[in-house]
Every structure is written in structure tokens, then in C-alpha cells.
Amino acid sequence: MAEDEFEDLVGRPPPRSAVTGPAPRYTRRLSDKILIAFHQACDQADFEVAEELLHILERMLTRRPVSTDTNRRKNLESLVAAHERLWLLRHPDSEH
């Protein structure tokens, strides 16, 4: 299909970079983005979503690593800290 045959739903051709541009470069790992979303959910007191994001993050960090990750200990420490934050937010009257 020729480039001029591509059109979006309103009839505009896609930007040139969408057709011939390089693959996107990501500046953060997916696990970092999920951790950021977890903290945002906590900040907004959406603890249900925060818990789901935490479970996803936990699955990502505890499954068999695809590559050698030198930050594994740091990642697991972040996961523990996130669990602690969620627990403290859900139990504000408790002493830790």
C-alpha cells in the first residue's frame, strides 16, 4: 500500500514519521511507569487501582528475568516500599 493511501478517520494522511520513522525510543522501563502510576493512584486515594498496579508490578519483577538485570535488588526494594506505602495508607491509625 502506498503512503498516500493511508488516511486517518478524518481523512488526513499520517505524519511522515509515522510511516517511515524509526522505532520509538523509551526513556523509562515499563516497570518504572507502573510504579509511577501506583504512586499517582495512592496520591488520589484510589487504593483499588493502586493494589492492582502493585500486583502487576510484582508479577513483572518476580517472574524469571529475560535478561540479566543488575537493578533487581533495587527493584525489589521499591516493590517492598510500595507495599508498605499502600498498607500505611489503608491503615492510617496503625503504628508501624
PDB file of N, CA and C in Angstrom:
ATOM      1  N   MET A   1       0.852  -1.167   0.000  1.00  0.00           N
ATOM      2  CA  MET A   1       0.000   0.000   0.000  1.00  0.00           C
ATOM      3  C   MET A   1       0.900   1.233   0.000  1.00  0.00           C
ATOM      4  N   ALA A   2       0.610   2.154  -0.872  1.00  0.00           N
ATOM      5  CA  ALA A   2       1.402   3.373  -0.990  1.00  0.00           C
ATOM      6  C   ALA A   2       1.122   4.303   0.175  1.00  0.00           C
ATOM      7  N   GLU A   3       2.095   5.154   0.474  1.00  0.00           N
ATOM      8  CA  GLU A   3       1.972   6.077   1.605  1.00  0.00           C
ATOM      9  C   GLU A   3       0.757   6.973   1.467  1.00  0.00           C
ATOM     10  N   ASP A   4       0.431   7.407   0.253  1.00  0.00           N
ATOM     11  CA  ASP A   4      -0.702   8.323   0.083  1.00  0.00           C
ATOM     12  C   ASP A   4      -2.049   7.619   0.237  1.00  0.00           C
ATOM     13  N   GLU A   5      -2.061   6.297   0.342  1.00  0.00           N
ATOM     14  CA  GLU A   5      -3.307   5.578   0.549  1.00  0.00           C
ATOM     15  C   GLU A   5      -3.697   5.524   2.029  1.00  0.00           C
ATOM     16  N   PHE A   6      -2.767   5.825   2.936  1.00  0.00           N
ATOM     17  CA  PHE A   6      -3.040   5.837   4.370  1.00  0.00           C
ATOM     18  C   PHE A   6      -3.750   7.134   4.731  1.00  0.00           C
ATOM     19  N   GLU A   7      -4.870   6.992   5.406  1.00  0.00           N
ATOM     20  CA  GLU A   7      -5.563   8.170   5.914  1.00  0.00           C
ATOM     21  C   GLU A   7      -6.190   7.817   7.250  1.00  0.00           C
ATOM     22  N   ASP A   8      -6.245   8.806   8.125  1.00  0.00           N
ATOM     23  CA  ASP A   8      -6.890   8.540   9.407  1.00  0.00           C
ATOM     24  C   ASP A   8      -8.401   8.694   9.255  1.00  0.00           C
ATOM     25  N   LEU A   9      -9.122   8.599  10.332  1.00  0.00           N
ATOM     26  CA  LEU A   9     -10.581   8.602  10.277  1.00  0.00           C
ATOM     27  C   LEU A   9     -11.172   9.909   9.776  1.00  0.00           C
ATOM     28  N   VAL A  10     -10.428  11.015   9.859  1.00  0.00           N
ATOM     29  CA  VAL A  10     -10.961  12.281   9.376  1.00  0.00           C
ATOM     30  C   VAL A  10     -10.362  12.667   8.027  1.00  0.00           C
ATOM     31  N   GLY A  11      -9.686  11.742   7.395  1.00  0.00           N
ATOM     32  CA  GLY A  11      -9.211  11.978   6.039  1.00  0.00           C
ATOM     33  C   GLY A  11      -7.831  12.594   5.904  1.00  0.00           C
ATOM     34  N   ARG A  12      -7.112  12.757   7.004  1.00  0.00           N
ATOM     35  CA  ARG A  12      -5.766  13.332   6.921  1.00  0.00           C
ATOM     36  C   ARG A  12      -4.746  12.224   6.757  1.00  0.00           C
ATOM     37  N   PRO A  13      -3.718  12.459   5.980  1.00  0.00           N
ATOM     38  CA  PRO A  13      -2.650  11.470   5.896  1.00  0.00           C
ATOM     39  C   PRO A  13      -1.859  11.458   7.202  1.00  0.00           C
ATOM     40  N   PRO A  14      -1.251  10.324   7.544  1.00  0.00           N
ATOM     41  CA  PRO A  14      -0.468  10.273   8.780  1.00  0.00           C
ATOM     42  C   PRO A  14       0.797  11.106   8.652  1.00  0.00           C
ATOM     43  N   PRO A  15       1.359  11.542   9.765  1.00  0.00           N
ATOM     44  CA  PRO A  15       2.624  12.275   9.682  1.00  0.00           C
ATOM     45  C   PRO A  15       3.701  11.371   9.087  1.00  0.00           C
ATOM     46  N   ARG A  16       4.645  11.980   8.402  1.00  0.00           N
ATOM     47  CA  ARG A  16       5.693  11.207   7.728  1.00  0.00           C
ATOM     48  C   ARG A  16       6.431  10.294   8.703  1.00  0.00           C
ATOM     49  N   SER A  17       6.668  10.758   9.909  1.00  0.00           N
ATOM     50  CA  SER A  17       7.401   9.951  10.880  1.00  0.00           C
ATOM     51  C   SER A  17       6.636   8.682  11.243  1.00  0.00           C
ATOM     52  N   ALA A  18       5.300   8.704  11.146  1.00  0.00           N
ATOM     53  CA  ALA A  18       4.512   7.521  11.473  1.00  0.00           C
ATOM     54  C   ALA A  18       4.684   6.436  10.422  1.00  0.00           C
ATOM     55  N   VAL A  19       5.040   6.828   9.209  1.00  0.00           N
ATOM     56  CA  VAL A  19       5.179   5.867   8.122  1.00  0.00           C
ATOM     57  C   VAL A  19       6.616   5.372   8.012  1.00  0.00           C
ATOM     58  N   THR A  20       7.570   6.267   8.106  1.00  0.00           N
ATOM     59  CA  THR A  20       8.952   5.874   7.850  1.00  0.00           C
ATOM     60  C   THR A  20       9.887   6.088   9.023  1.00  0.00           C
ATOM     61  N   GLY A  21       9.377   6.597  10.122  1.00  0.00           N
ATOM     62  CA  GLY A  21      10.235   6.934  11.254  1.00  0.00           C
ATOM     63  C   GLY A  21      10.813   5.707  11.938  1.00  0.00           C
ATOM     64  N   PRO A  22      11.826   5.940  12.755  1.00  0.00           N
ATOM     65  CA  PRO A  22      12.439   4.828  13.481  1.00  0.00           C
ATOM     66  C   PRO A  22      11.518   4.321  14.588  1.00  0.00           C
ATOM     67  N   ALA A  23      11.843   3.161  15.110  1.00  0.00           N
ATOM     68  CA  ALA A  23      11.076   2.603  16.222  1.00  0.00           C
ATOM     69  C   ALA A  23      11.152   3.562  17.406  1.00  0.00           C
ATOM     70  N   PRO A  24      10.086   3.643  18.201  1.00  0.00           N
ATOM     71  CA  PRO A  24      10.106   4.582  19.325  1.00  0.00           C
ATOM     72  C   PRO A  24      11.182   4.216  20.337  1.00  0.00           C
ATOM     73  N   ARG A  25      11.758   5.244  20.945  1.00  0.00           N
ATOM     74  CA  ARG A  25      12.739   5.036  21.998  1.00  0.00           C
ATOM     75  C   ARG A  25      12.059   5.355  23.314  1.00  0.00           C
ATOM     76  N   TYR A  26      12.187   4.457  24.242  1.00  0.00           N
ATOM     77  CA  TYR A  26      11.545   4.639  25.524  1.00  0.00           C
ATOM     78  C   TYR A  26      12.569   5.153  26.523  1.00  0.00           C
ATOM     79  N   THR A  27      12.162   6.128  27.322  1.00  0.00           N
ATOM     80  CA  THR A  27      13.088   6.718  28.284  1.00  0.00           C
ATOM     81  C   THR A  27      12.960   6.071  29.653  1.00  0.00           C
ATOM     82  N   ARG A  28      11.886   5.338  29.896  1.00  0.00           N
ATOM     83  CA  ARG A  28      11.691   4.654  31.177  1.00  0.00           C
ATOM     84  C   ARG A  28      11.274   3.217  30.917  1.00  0.00           C
ATOM     85  N   ARG A  29      11.633   2.352  31.847  1.00  0.00           N
ATOM     86  CA  ARG A  29      11.188   0.966  31.754  1.00  0.00           C
ATOM     87  C   ARG A  29       9.699   0.900  32.084  1.00  0.00           C
ATOM     88  N   LEU A  30       9.030  -0.098  31.565  1.00  0.00           N
ATOM     89  CA  LEU A  30       7.603  -0.267  31.838  1.00  0.00           C
ATOM     90  C   LEU A  30       7.354  -0.405  33.330  1.00  0.00           C
ATOM     91  N   SER A  31       8.223  -1.113  34.036  1.00  0.00           N
ATOM     92  CA  SER A  31       8.048  -1.269  35.485  1.00  0.00           C
ATOM     93  C   SER A  31       8.124   0.080  36.201  1.00  0.00           C
ATOM     94  N   ASP A  32       8.978   0.980  35.714  1.00  0.00           N
ATOM     95  CA  ASP A  32       9.054   2.323  36.312  1.00  0.00           C
ATOM     96  C   ASP A  32       7.754   3.088  36.097  1.00  0.00           C
ATOM     97  N   LYS A  33       7.178   2.968  34.908  1.00  0.00           N
ATOM     98  CA  LYS A  33       5.924   3.661  34.621  1.00  0.00           C
ATOM     99  C   LYS A  33       4.786   3.117  35.474  1.00  0.00           C
ATOM    100  N   ILE A  34       4.777   1.808  35.704  1.00  0.00           N
ATOM    101  CA  ILE A  34       3.734   1.213  36.541  1.00  0.00           C
ATOM    102  C   ILE A  34       3.898   1.681  37.981  1.00  0.00           C
ATOM    103  N   LEU A  35       5.135   1.781  38.453  1.00  0.00           N
ATOM    104  CA  LEU A  35       5.377   2.271  39.810  1.00  0.00           C
ATOM    105  C   LEU A  35       4.922   3.730  39.948  1.00  0.00           C
ATOM    106  N   ILE A  36       5.174   4.534  38.935  1.00  0.00           N
ATOM    107  CA  ILE A  36       4.718   5.932  38.942  1.00  0.00           C
ATOM    108  C   ILE A  36       3.186   5.984  38.983  1.00  0.00           C
ATOM    109  N   ALA A  37       2.539   5.128  38.180  1.00  0.00           N
ATOM    110  CA  ALA A  37       1.068   5.082  38.179  1.00  0.00           C
ATOM    111  C   ALA A  37       0.547   4.622  39.543  1.00  0.00           C
ATOM    112  N   PHE A  38       1.258   3.680  40.180  1.00  0.00           N
ATOM    113  CA  PHE A  38       0.879   3.237  41.524  1.00  0.00           C
ATOM    114  C   PHE A  38       0.888   4.416  42.489  1.00  0.00           C
ATOM    115  N   HIS A  39       1.965   5.191  42.479  1.00  0.00           N
ATOM    116  CA  HIS A  39       2.058   6.337  43.393  1.00  0.00           C
ATOM    117  C   HIS A  39       0.987   7.382  43.089  1.00  0.00           C
ATOM    118  N   GLN A  40       0.679   7.569  41.821  1.00  0.00           N
ATOM    119  CA  GLN A  40      -0.380   8.514  41.467  1.00  0.00           C
ATOM    120  C   GLN A  40      -1.728   8.022  41.992  1.00  0.00           C
ATOM    121  N   ALA A  41      -1.986   6.727  41.870  1.00  0.00           N
ATOM    122  CA  ALA A  41      -3.239   6.169  42.395  1.00  0.00           C
ATOM    123  C   ALA A  41      -3.307   6.353  43.914  1.00  0.00           C
ATOM    124  N   CYS A  42      -2.174   6.151  44.596  1.00  0.00           N
ATOM    125  CA  CYS A  42      -2.143   6.372  46.054  1.00  0.00           C
ATOM    126  C   CYS A  42      -2.417   7.837  46.372  1.00  0.00           C
ATOM    127  N   ASP A  43      -1.791   8.742  45.637  1.00  0.00           N
ATOM    128  CA  ASP A  43      -1.994  10.174  45.864  1.00  0.00           C
ATOM    129  C   ASP A  43      -3.450  10.571  45.679  1.00  0.00           C
ATOM    130  N   GLN A  44      -4.153   9.864  44.792  1.00  0.00           N
ATOM    131  CA  GLN A  44      -5.553  10.170  44.525  1.00  0.00           C
ATOM    132  C   GLN A  44      -6.499   9.311  45.367  1.00  0.00           C
ATOM    133  N   ALA A  45      -5.926   8.567  46.311  1.00  0.00           N
ATOM    134  CA  ALA A  45      -6.688   7.698  47.220  1.00  0.00           C
ATOM    135  C   ALA A  45      -7.497   6.633  46.481  1.00  0.00           C
ATOM    136  N   ASP A  46      -7.001   6.201  45.350  1.00  0.00           N
ATOM    137  CA  ASP A  46      -7.643   5.117  44.601  1.00  0.00           C
ATOM    138  C   ASP A  46      -6.883   3.831  44.919  1.00  0.00           C
ATOM    139  N   PHE A  47      -7.152   3.286  46.101  1.00  0.00           N
ATOM    140  CA  PHE A  47      -6.376   2.167  46.616  1.00  0.00           C
ATOM    141  C   PHE A  47      -6.634   0.865  45.862  1.00  0.00           C
ATOM    142  N   GLU A  48      -7.824   0.721  45.300  1.00  0.00           N
ATOM    143  CA  GLU A  48      -8.115  -0.473  44.500  1.00  0.00           C
ATOM    144  C   GLU A  48      -7.210  -0.539  43.278  1.00  0.00           C
ATOM    145  N   VAL A  49      -7.105   0.567  42.567  1.00  0.00           N
ATOM    146  CA  VAL A  49      -6.243   0.635  41.390  1.00  0.00           C
ATOM    147  C   VAL A  49      -4.782   0.488  41.807  1.00  0.00           C
ATOM    148  N   ALA A  50      -4.405   1.139  42.903  1.00  0.00           N
ATOM    149  CA  ALA A  50      -3.030   1.035  43.393  1.00  0.00           C
ATOM    150  C   ALA A  50      -2.674  -0.422  43.670  1.00  0.00           C
ATOM    151  N   GLU A  51      -3.594  -1.151  44.271  1.00  0.00           N
ATOM    152  CA  GLU A  51      -3.340  -2.560  44.575  1.00  0.00           C
ATOM    153  C   GLU A  51      -3.171  -3.385  43.300  1.00  0.00           C
ATOM    154  N   GLU A  52      -4.023  -3.145  42.324  1.00  0.00           N
ATOM    155  CA  GLU A  52      -3.907  -3.878  41.052  1.00  0.00           C
ATOM    156  C   GLU A  52      -2.570  -3.583  40.372  1.00  0.00           C
ATOM    157  N   LEU A  53      -2.188  -2.312  40.357  1.00  0.00           N
ATOM    158  CA  LEU A  53      -0.902  -1.949  39.760  1.00  0.00           C
ATOM    159  C   LEU A  53       0.251  -2.607  40.507  1.00  0.00           C
ATOM    160  N   LEU A  54       0.127  -2.695  41.811  1.00  0.00           N
ATOM    161  CA  LEU A  54       1.158  -3.331  42.621  1.00  0.00           C
ATOM    162  C   LEU A  54       1.269  -4.818  42.294  1.00  0.00           C
ATOM    163  N   HIS A  55       0.135  -5.474  42.086  1.00  0.00           N
ATOM    164  CA  HIS A  55       0.161  -6.895  41.706  1.00  0.00           C
ATOM    165  C   HIS A  55       0.811  -7.085  40.332  1.00  0.00           C
ATOM    166  N   ILE A  56       0.521  -6.190  39.415  1.00  0.00           N
ATOM    167  CA  ILE A  56       1.142  -6.269  38.082  1.00  0.00           C
ATOM    168  C   ILE A  56       2.645  -6.081  38.203  1.00  0.00           C
ATOM    169  N   LEU A  57       3.047  -5.077  38.964  1.00  0.00           N
ATOM    170  CA  LEU A  57       4.470  -4.813  39.161  1.00  0.00           C
ATOM    171  C   LEU A  57       5.158  -6.008  39.813  1.00  0.00           C
ATOM    172  N   GLU A  58       4.494  -6.597  40.782  1.00  0.00           N
ATOM    173  CA  GLU A  58       5.061  -7.759  41.466  1.00  0.00           C
ATOM    174  C   GLU A  58       5.258  -8.923  40.487  1.00  0.00           C
ATOM    175  N   ARG A  59       4.276  -9.164  39.641  1.00  0.00           N
ATOM    176  CA  ARG A  59       4.416 -10.236  38.635  1.00  0.00           C
ATOM    177  C   ARG A  59       5.590  -9.962  37.712  1.00  0.00           C
ATOM    178  N   MET A  60       5.726  -8.709  37.315  1.00  0.00           N
ATOM    179  CA  MET A  60       6.820  -8.354  36.406  1.00  0.00           C
ATOM    180  C   MET A  60       8.187  -8.562  37.049  1.00  0.00           C
ATOM    181  N   LEU A  61       8.311  -8.199  38.317  1.00  0.00           N
ATOM    182  CA  LEU A  61       9.613  -8.227  38.973  1.00  0.00           C
ATOM    183  C   LEU A  61       9.990  -9.599  39.526  1.00  0.00           C
ATOM    184  N   THR A  62       9.005 -10.464  39.750  1.00  0.00           N
ATOM    185  CA  THR A  62       9.319 -11.756  40.340  1.00  0.00           C
ATOM    186  C   THR A  62       9.343 -12.901  39.333  1.00  0.00           C
ATOM    187  N   ARG A  63       8.902 -12.657  38.139  1.00  0.00           N
ATOM    188  CA  ARG A  63       8.975 -13.736  37.151  1.00  0.00           C
ATOM    189  C   ARG A  63      10.424 -13.934  36.734  1.00  0.00           C
ATOM    190  N   ARG A  64      10.654 -15.001  36.062  1.00  0.00           N
ATOM    191  CA  ARG A  64      12.010 -15.322  35.622  1.00  0.00           C
ATOM    192  C   ARG A  64      12.517 -14.213  34.708  1.00  0.00           C
ATOM    193  N   PRO A  65      13.649 -13.609  35.050  1.00  0.00           N
ATOM    194  CA  PRO A  65      14.146 -12.492  34.237  1.00  0.00           C
ATOM    195  C   PRO A  65      14.561 -12.931  32.836  1.00  0.00           C
ATOM    196  N   VAL A  66      14.201 -12.103  31.852  1.00  0.00           N
ATOM    197  CA  VAL A  66      14.562 -12.375  30.467  1.00  0.00           C
ATOM    198  C   VAL A  66      16.034 -12.045  30.241  1.00  0.00           C
ATOM    199  N   SER A  67      16.496 -10.979  30.829  1.00  0.00           N
ATOM    200  CA  SER A  67      17.889 -10.585  30.697  1.00  0.00           C
ATOM    201  C   SER A  67      18.472 -10.388  32.092  1.00  0.00           C
ATOM    202  N   THR A  68      19.756 -10.270  32.149  1.00  0.00           N
ATOM    203  CA  THR A  68      20.377 -10.030  33.452  1.00  0.00           C
ATOM    204  C   THR A  68      20.089  -8.608  33.874  1.00  0.00           C
ATOM    205  N   ASP A  69      19.422  -8.473  34.989  1.00  0.00           N
ATOM    206  CA  ASP A  69      19.032  -7.158  35.485  1.00  0.00           C
ATOM    207  C   ASP A  69      19.858  -6.838  36.718  1.00  0.00           C
ATOM    208  N   THR A  70      20.755  -5.903  36.594  1.00  0.00           N
ATOM    209  CA  THR A  70      21.626  -5.543  37.709  1.00  0.00           C
ATOM    210  C   THR A  70      20.882  -4.739  38.761  1.00  0.00           C
ATOM    211  N   ASN A  71      19.696  -4.272  38.446  1.00  0.00           N
ATOM    212  CA  ASN A  71      18.909  -3.470  39.387  1.00  0.00           C
ATOM    213  C   ASN A  71      17.860  -4.302  40.117  1.00  0.00           C
ATOM    214  N   ARG A  72      17.972  -5.614  40.085  1.00  0.00           N
ATOM    215  CA  ARG A  72      16.937  -6.476  40.673  1.00  0.00           C
ATOM    216  C   ARG A  72      16.725  -6.159  42.158  1.00  0.00           C
ATOM    217  N   ARG A  73      17.794  -6.003  42.913  1.00  0.00           N
ATOM    218  CA  ARG A  73      17.646  -5.714  44.341  1.00  0.00           C
ATOM    219  C   ARG A  73      16.936  -4.373  44.547  1.00  0.00           C
ATOM    220  N   LYS A  74      17.319  -3.367  43.787  1.00  0.00           N
ATOM    221  CA  LYS A  74      16.688  -2.048  43.887  1.00  0.00           C
ATOM    222  C   LYS A  74      15.207  -2.138  43.515  1.00  0.00           C
ATOM    223  N   ASN A  75      14.903  -2.902  42.475  1.00  0.00           N
ATOM    224  CA  ASN A  75      13.511  -3.071  42.054  1.00  0.00           C
ATOM    225  C   ASN A  75      12.690  -3.730  43.151  1.00  0.00           C
ATOM    226  N   LEU A  76      13.243  -4.765  43.776  1.00  0.00           N
ATOM    227  CA  LEU A  76      12.512  -5.449  44.831  1.00  0.00           C
ATOM    228  C   LEU A  76      12.350  -4.562  46.063  1.00  0.00           C
ATOM    229  N   GLU A  77      13.361  -3.736  46.357  1.00  0.00           N
ATOM    230  CA  GLU A  77      13.231  -2.783  47.465  1.00  0.00           C
ATOM    231  C   GLU A  77      12.122  -1.776  47.192  1.00  0.00           C
ATOM    232  N   SER A  78      12.011  -1.330  45.945  1.00  0.00           N
ATOM    233  CA  SER A  78      10.930  -0.408  45.559  1.00  0.00           C
ATOM    234  C   SER A  78       9.575  -1.078  45.711  1.00  0.00           C
ATOM    235  N   LEU A  79       9.512  -2.354  45.364  1.00  0.00           N
ATOM    236  CA  LEU A  79       8.264  -3.103  45.486  1.00  0.00           C
ATOM    237  C   LEU A  79       7.854  -3.225  46.958  1.00  0.00           C
ATOM    238  N   VAL A  80       8.799  -3.531  47.816  1.00  0.00           N
ATOM    239  CA  VAL A  80       8.509  -3.631  49.254  1.00  0.00           C
ATOM    240  C   VAL A  80       8.050  -2.270  49.792  1.00  0.00           C
ATOM    241  N   ALA A  81       8.730  -1.215  49.401  1.00  0.00           N
ATOM    242  CA  ALA A  81       8.345   0.132  49.848  1.00  0.00           C
ATOM    243  C   ALA A  81       6.941   0.485  49.369  1.00  0.00           C
ATOM    244  N   ALA A  82       6.589   0.079  48.157  1.00  0.00           N
ATOM    245  CA  ALA A  82       5.256   0.355  47.627  1.00  0.00           C
ATOM    246  C   ALA A  82       4.197  -0.400  48.427  1.00  0.00           C
ATOM    247  N   HIS A  83       4.479  -1.663  48.756  1.00  0.00           N
ATOM    248  CA  HIS A  83       3.548  -2.433  49.595  1.00  0.00           C
ATOM    249  C   HIS A  83       3.365  -1.741  50.944  1.00  0.00           C
ATOM    250  N   GLU A  84       4.467  -1.279  51.514  1.00  0.00           N
ATOM    251  CA  GLU A  84       4.392  -0.598  52.803  1.00  0.00           C
ATOM    252  C   GLU A  84       3.566   0.682  52.701  1.00  0.00           C
ATOM    253  N   ARG A  85       3.769   1.453  51.639  1.00  0.00           N
ATOM    254  CA  ARG A  85       3.004   2.693  51.484  1.00  0.00           C
ATOM    255  C   ARG A  85       1.508   2.403  51.404  1.00  0.00           C
ATOM    256  N   LEU A  86       1.145   1.412  50.601  1.00  0.00           N
ATOM    257  CA  LEU A  86      -0.275   1.096  50.452  1.00  0.00           C
ATOM    258  C   LEU A  86      -0.862   0.628  51.781  1.00  0.00           C
ATOM    259  N   TRP A  87      -0.128  -0.188  52.516  1.00  0.00           N
ATOM    260  CA  TRP A  87      -0.616  -0.658  53.808  1.00  0.00           C
ATOM    261  C   TRP A  87      -0.816   0.520  54.765  1.00  0.00           C
ATOM    262  N   LEU A  88       0.139   1.419  54.818  1.00  0.00           N
ATOM    263  CA  LEU A  88       0.045   2.581  55.716  1.00  0.00           C
ATOM    264  C   LEU A  88      -1.124   3.498  55.328  1.00  0.00           C
ATOM    265  N   LEU A  89      -1.369   3.630  54.033  1.00  0.00           N
ATOM    266  CA  LEU A  89      -2.490   4.461  53.599  1.00  0.00           C
ATOM    267  C   LEU A  89      -3.828   3.816  53.961  1.00  0.00           C
ATOM    268  N   ARG A  90      -3.874   2.503  53.909  1.00  0.00           N
ATOM    269  CA  ARG A  90      -5.107   1.808  54.253  1.00  0.00           C
ATOM    270  C   ARG A  90      -5.320   1.674  55.756  1.00  0.00           C
ATOM    271  N   HIS A  91      -4.256   1.792  56.524  1.00  0.00           N
ATOM    272  CA  HIS A  91      -4.314   1.660  57.978  1.00  0.00           C
ATOM    273  C   HIS A  91      -3.667   2.871  58.634  1.00  0.00           C
ATOM    274  N   PRO A  92      -4.251   4.053  58.475  1.00  0.00           N
ATOM    275  CA  PRO A  92      -3.617   5.277  58.966  1.00  0.00           C
ATOM    276  C   PRO A  92      -3.477   5.358  60.491  1.00  0.00           C
ATOM    277  N   ASP A  93      -4.281   4.615  61.213  1.00  0.00           N
ATOM    278  CA  ASP A  93      -4.243   4.675  62.673  1.00  0.00           C
ATOM    279  C   ASP A  93      -3.247   3.697  63.278  1.00  0.00           C
ATOM    280  N   SER A  94      -2.665   2.842  62.457  1.00  0.00           N
ATOM    281  CA  SER A  94      -1.733   1.829  62.953  1.00  0.00           C
ATOM    282  C   SER A  94      -0.348   2.391  63.131  1.00  0.00           C
ATOM    283  N   GLU A  95       0.342   1.846  64.090  1.00  0.00           N
ATOM    284  CA  GLU A  95       1.766   2.182  64.238  1.00  0.00           C
ATOM    285  C   GLU A  95       2.549   1.159  63.429  1.00  0.00           C
ATOM    286  N   HIS A  96       3.646   1.593  62.855  1.00  0.00           N
ATOM    287  CA  HIS A  96       4.461   0.640  62.107  1.00  0.00           C
ATOM    288  C   HIS A  96       5.713   0.455  62.848  1.00  0.00           C
TER     289      HIS A  96
END
